[in-house]
Amino acid sequence: MESHAREMANARERINRAELALERTEEMLAENIALRSRIRAQRCLVEAAYGLAKIDPQQTQTAFRGPSRAFSRGR
């Protein structure tokens, strides 16, 4: 009888460890999906900026630098 109780306790412990491992795995998966989403969004922005630079390089350079220095100094 004691052997049966010990086996049941061991089985419960293995189940608990497996559940914890599954929770950690799900958390890591969610983090990886979020990171991939951010990387994909950044890549889209870079590709869009590159596309704009090919269409109108002069205008794109001005837009990326912001207002010219002459305007920011009050000239």
Protein backbone atom coordinates (compact mmCIF):
# COMPACT_ATOMS: atom_id res chain seq x y z
CA MET A 1 0.00 0.00 0.00
CA GLU A 2 2.80 2.37 0.90
CA SER A 3 4.40 1.74 -2.47
CA HIS A 4 1.19 2.72 -4.25
CA ALA A 5 0.98 6.03 -2.31
CA ARG A 6 4.61 6.80 -3.14
CA GLU A 7 4.01 6.12 -6.84
CA MET A 8 0.94 8.37 -6.79
CA ALA A 9 2.94 11.17 -5.12
CA ASN A 10 5.69 10.80 -7.72
CA ALA A 11 3.15 10.89 -10.53
CA ARG A 12 1.55 14.05 -9.10
CA GLU A 13 4.98 15.66 -8.83
CA ARG A 14 5.76 14.83 -12.47
CA ILE A 15 2.40 16.26 -13.52
CA ASN A 16 3.08 19.47 -11.57
CA ARG A 17 6.52 19.81 -13.16
CA ALA A 18 5.07 19.22 -16.61
CA GLU A 19 2.37 21.85 -16.02
CA LEU A 20 4.98 24.39 -14.89
CA ALA A 21 7.12 23.62 -17.92
CA LEU A 22 4.10 24.09 -20.17
CA GLU A 23 3.30 27.47 -18.55
CA ARG A 24 6.89 28.64 -19.03
CA THR A 25 6.85 27.45 -22.62
CA GLU A 26 3.62 29.34 -23.32
CA GLU A 27 5.07 32.51 -21.76
CA MET A 28 8.24 32.22 -23.84
CA LEU A 29 6.18 31.63 -26.97
CA ALA A 30 4.10 34.75 -26.27
CA GLU A 31 7.28 36.80 -25.77
CA ASN A 32 8.77 35.46 -29.00
CA ILE A 33 5.60 36.25 -30.94
CA ALA A 34 5.57 39.80 -29.55
CA LEU A 35 9.25 40.25 -30.43
CA ARG A 36 8.69 38.93 -33.95
CA SER A 37 5.79 41.34 -34.37
CA ARG A 38 7.98 44.29 -33.35
CA ILE A 39 10.78 43.17 -35.66
CA ARG A 40 8.36 42.76 -38.55
CA ALA A 41 6.90 46.24 -37.93
CA GLN A 42 10.37 47.79 -37.85
CA ARG A 43 11.30 45.98 -41.06
CA CYS A 44 8.17 47.34 -42.74
CA LEU A 45 9.13 50.87 -41.68
CA VAL A 46 12.65 50.46 -43.03
CA GLU A 47 11.36 49.06 -46.31
CA ALA A 48 8.86 51.91 -46.62
CA ALA A 49 11.59 54.48 -45.96
CA TYR A 50 13.81 52.80 -48.54
CA GLY A 51 10.97 52.90 -51.04
CA LEU A 52 10.46 56.61 -50.39
CA ALA A 53 14.17 57.24 -50.82
CA LYS A 54 14.04 55.59 -54.24
CA ILE A 55 11.03 57.67 -55.30
CA ASP A 56 12.30 61.08 -54.16
CA PRO A 57 15.79 60.93 -52.62
CA GLN A 58 16.11 64.68 -51.99
CA GLN A 59 12.77 65.00 -50.22
CA THR A 60 13.41 61.85 -48.19
CA GLN A 61 16.78 63.09 -46.92
CA THR A 62 15.16 66.32 -45.74
CA ALA A 63 12.37 64.42 -44.02
CA PHE A 64 14.78 62.10 -42.21
CA ARG A 65 16.96 64.97 -40.97
CA GLY A 66 14.03 67.04 -39.81
CA PRO A 67 13.84 70.80 -40.30
CA SER A 68 16.93 72.38 -41.74
CA ARG A 69 19.36 74.08 -39.39
CA ALA A 70 18.63 77.47 -40.89
CA PHE A 71 15.04 77.25 -39.68
CA SER A 72 15.94 75.97 -36.23
CA ARG A 73 18.36 78.87 -35.62
CA GLY A 74 15.81 81.48 -36.58
CA ARG A 75 17.45 82.60 -39.83
